[in-house]
Amino acid sequence: MRGRAPDGALVSPVEVTAATVQRGDIIQLGGQACRVRDLFQLPQGAKQLVFESGELLAGLDPES
């Protein structure tokens, strides 16, 4: 997938891990683009992501 985000930014696919994900990142889950609003450190390097929609992704493993 290459193209432009709604704000005009150029987008291209990259692998995201718990070590690299940041607030504001847009990640695709199940074919739906989700912007990371906040994130929290969990035990053993995992992270919990909070998306702008209010949905959560818990336990993003440090190696996935």
C-alpha atoms as a PDB file:
ATOM      1  CA  MET A   1       0.000   0.000   0.000  1.00  0.00           C
ATOM      2  CA  ARG A   2       1.411   3.323  -1.055  1.00  0.00           C
ATOM      3  CA  GLY A   3      -0.555   6.491  -1.220  1.00  0.00           C
ATOM      4  CA  ARG A   4      -1.488   9.554   0.782  1.00  0.00           C
ATOM      5  CA  ALA A   5      -3.056   9.839   4.226  1.00  0.00           C
ATOM      6  CA  PRO A   6      -6.060  12.164   4.697  1.00  0.00           C
ATOM      7  CA  ASP A   7      -3.708  14.927   5.894  1.00  0.00           C
ATOM      8  CA  GLY A   8      -1.659  14.577   2.698  1.00  0.00           C
ATOM      9  CA  ALA A   9       1.295  12.719   4.206  1.00  0.00           C
ATOM     10  CA  LEU A  10       2.911  10.063   2.070  1.00  0.00           C
ATOM     11  CA  VAL A  11       2.260   6.561   3.433  1.00  0.00           C
ATOM     12  CA  SER A  12       3.977   3.251   2.853  1.00  0.00           C
ATOM     13  CA  PRO A  13       3.958  -0.060   4.721  1.00  0.00           C
ATOM     14  CA  VAL A  14       6.519  -0.635   7.470  1.00  0.00           C
ATOM     15  CA  GLU A  15       6.723  -3.231  10.219  1.00  0.00           C
ATOM     16  CA  VAL A  16       5.701  -1.899  13.634  1.00  0.00           C
ATOM     17  CA  THR A  17       6.826  -3.459  16.899  1.00  0.00           C
ATOM     18  CA  ALA A  18       6.354  -2.516  20.552  1.00  0.00           C
ATOM     19  CA  ALA A  19       9.854  -1.024  20.387  1.00  0.00           C
ATOM     20  CA  THR A  20       9.069   1.237  17.413  1.00  0.00           C
ATOM     21  CA  VAL A  21       5.395   2.260  17.709  1.00  0.00           C
ATOM     22  CA  GLN A  22       4.786   5.927  18.639  1.00  0.00           C
ATOM     23  CA  ARG A  23       1.870   8.235  19.351  1.00  0.00           C
ATOM     24  CA  GLY A  24       0.396   9.456  16.083  1.00  0.00           C
ATOM     25  CA  ASP A  25       1.376   6.367  14.096  1.00  0.00           C
ATOM     26  CA  ILE A  26      -1.325   5.003  11.820  1.00  0.00           C
ATOM     27  CA  ILE A  27      -1.353   1.224  11.768  1.00  0.00           C
ATOM     28  CA  GLN A  28      -3.587  -1.090   9.793  1.00  0.00           C
ATOM     29  CA  LEU A  29      -5.477  -3.763  11.748  1.00  0.00           C
ATOM     30  CA  GLY A  30      -7.845  -6.082   9.954  1.00  0.00           C
ATOM     31  CA  GLY A  31      -7.893  -3.793   6.933  1.00  0.00           C
ATOM     32  CA  GLN A  32      -8.790  -0.700   8.995  1.00  0.00           C
ATOM     33  CA  ALA A  33      -6.406   2.216   9.558  1.00  0.00           C
ATOM     34  CA  CYS A  34      -6.097   3.139  13.255  1.00  0.00           C
ATOM     35  CA  ARG A  35      -4.194   6.148  14.648  1.00  0.00           C
ATOM     36  CA  VAL A  36      -2.375   5.595  17.958  1.00  0.00           C
ATOM     37  CA  ARG A  37      -3.585   8.185  20.495  1.00  0.00           C
ATOM     38  CA  ASP A  38      -1.675   6.889  23.525  1.00  0.00           C
ATOM     39  CA  LEU A  39       0.376   3.915  24.640  1.00  0.00           C
ATOM     40  CA  PHE A  40       1.353   2.354  27.942  1.00  0.00           C
ATOM     41  CA  GLN A  41       4.297   0.183  28.913  1.00  0.00           C
ATOM     42  CA  LEU A  42       3.319  -3.297  30.134  1.00  0.00           C
ATOM     43  CA  PRO A  43       5.482  -5.961  31.807  1.00  0.00           C
ATOM     44  CA  GLN A  44       8.331  -7.543  29.811  1.00  0.00           C
ATOM     45  CA  GLY A  45       8.425  -4.847  27.147  1.00  0.00           C
ATOM     46  CA  ALA A  46       4.874  -5.236  25.849  1.00  0.00           C
ATOM     47  CA  LYS A  47       2.688  -2.180  25.209  1.00  0.00           C
ATOM     48  CA  GLN A  48      -1.008  -1.363  25.261  1.00  0.00           C
ATOM     49  CA  LEU A  49      -2.161   0.943  22.471  1.00  0.00           C
ATOM     50  CA  VAL A  50      -5.111   3.316  22.668  1.00  0.00           C
ATOM     51  CA  PHE A  51      -6.500   4.412  19.309  1.00  0.00           C
ATOM     52  CA  GLU A  52      -8.316   7.667  18.480  1.00  0.00           C
ATOM     53  CA  SER A  53     -11.523   5.612  18.224  1.00  0.00           C
ATOM     54  CA  GLY A  54     -11.119   4.684  21.914  1.00  0.00           C
ATOM     55  CA  GLU A  55     -10.410   1.033  21.117  1.00  0.00           C
ATOM     56  CA  LEU A  56      -7.528  -0.749  22.841  1.00  0.00           C
ATOM     57  CA  LEU A  57      -4.930  -3.212  21.629  1.00  0.00           C
ATOM     58  CA  ALA A  58      -3.431  -4.825  24.717  1.00  0.00           C
ATOM     59  CA  GLY A  59      -0.207  -6.737  24.905  1.00  0.00           C
ATOM     60  CA  LEU A  60       1.647  -5.678  21.750  1.00  0.00           C
ATOM     61  CA  ASP A  61       4.581  -8.022  22.214  1.00  0.00           C
ATOM     62  CA  PRO A  62       8.078  -6.512  22.028  1.00  0.00           C
ATOM     63  CA  GLU A  63       8.914  -8.899  19.186  1.00  0.00           C
ATOM     64  CA  SER A  64       5.695  -8.489  17.185  1.00  0.00           C
END
